[in-house]
Amino acid sequence: MSKSSPWYRHFWPWFIVILMVVSVGASLATVVIAYGLGDLEIPDARPAATAAPRVSASGSAVP
């Protein structure tokens, strides 16, 4: 009977572990970037006379 080497001496377990670590790292980087930048406000390029009126969530006009 041949003696097999321990799991940590094989390529595939390390490959799978590295894929999982890279995946978690990319997810964390995405969360950090998303929370760090926040939502950017896009300015309205239309003139004030033709701009649509601003309305709140309740339906009333916002000054």
Protein backbone atom coordinates (compact mmCIF):
# COMPACT_ATOMS: atom_id res chain seq x y z
CA MET A 1 0.00 0.00 0.00
CA SER A 2 1.40 3.38 -0.95
CA LYS A 3 1.55 6.17 1.56
CA SER A 4 -0.17 9.35 0.39
CA SER A 5 1.06 12.77 1.35
CA PRO A 6 -0.92 15.02 3.71
CA TRP A 7 -3.62 17.28 2.30
CA TYR A 8 -1.55 20.45 2.65
CA ARG A 9 1.04 19.11 0.24
CA HIS A 10 -1.45 18.92 -2.63
CA PHE A 11 -2.28 21.69 -5.06
CA TRP A 12 -6.09 21.60 -5.21
CA PRO A 13 -6.94 22.25 -1.56
CA TRP A 14 -4.76 25.37 -1.62
CA PHE A 15 -6.26 26.48 -4.91
CA ILE A 16 -9.77 26.23 -3.46
CA VAL A 17 -8.75 28.03 -0.27
CA ILE A 18 -7.12 30.84 -2.26
CA LEU A 19 -10.27 31.22 -4.39
CA MET A 20 -12.38 31.59 -1.23
CA VAL A 21 -9.96 34.09 0.33
CA VAL A 22 -9.89 36.19 -2.84
CA SER A 23 -13.68 36.11 -3.00
CA VAL A 24 -14.05 37.31 0.60
CA GLY A 25 -11.41 39.99 0.04
CA ALA A 26 -13.15 41.29 -3.08
CA SER A 27 -16.48 41.36 -1.24
CA LEU A 28 -14.99 43.34 1.64
CA ALA A 29 -13.32 45.75 -0.78
CA THR A 30 -16.67 46.29 -2.52
CA VAL A 31 -18.39 47.04 0.79
CA VAL A 32 -15.64 49.46 1.85
CA ILE A 33 -15.79 51.28 -1.48
CA ALA A 34 -19.60 51.43 -1.43
CA TYR A 35 -19.77 52.86 2.08
CA GLY A 36 -16.79 55.15 1.57
CA LEU A 37 -18.11 56.86 -1.54
CA GLY A 38 -21.76 56.92 -0.58
CA ASP A 39 -24.42 58.14 -2.96
CA LEU A 40 -23.27 60.90 -5.24
CA GLU A 41 -25.77 63.64 -6.04
CA ILE A 42 -26.17 64.33 -9.74
CA PRO A 43 -26.74 68.03 -10.40
CA ASP A 44 -29.71 69.06 -12.51
CA ALA A 45 -28.35 70.59 -15.75
CA ARG A 46 -31.72 72.02 -16.86
CA PRO A 47 -32.49 75.71 -16.35
CA ALA A 48 -34.54 76.50 -13.23
CA ALA A 49 -37.62 77.58 -15.25
CA THR A 50 -37.93 74.18 -16.96
CA ALA A 51 -36.83 72.01 -14.06
CA ALA A 52 -39.42 69.59 -12.76
CA PRO A 53 -40.89 70.48 -9.37
CA ARG A 54 -39.44 68.65 -6.40
CA VAL A 55 -41.93 66.45 -4.59
CA SER A 56 -41.48 64.73 -1.24
CA ALA A 57 -42.37 61.10 -0.56
CA SER A 58 -45.72 62.19 0.91
CA GLY A 59 -46.64 63.97 -2.33
CA SER A 60 -46.37 67.57 -1.14
CA ALA A 61 -44.19 70.08 -2.96
CA VAL A 62 -40.74 70.75 -1.52
CA PRO A 63 -39.63 74.41 -1.48
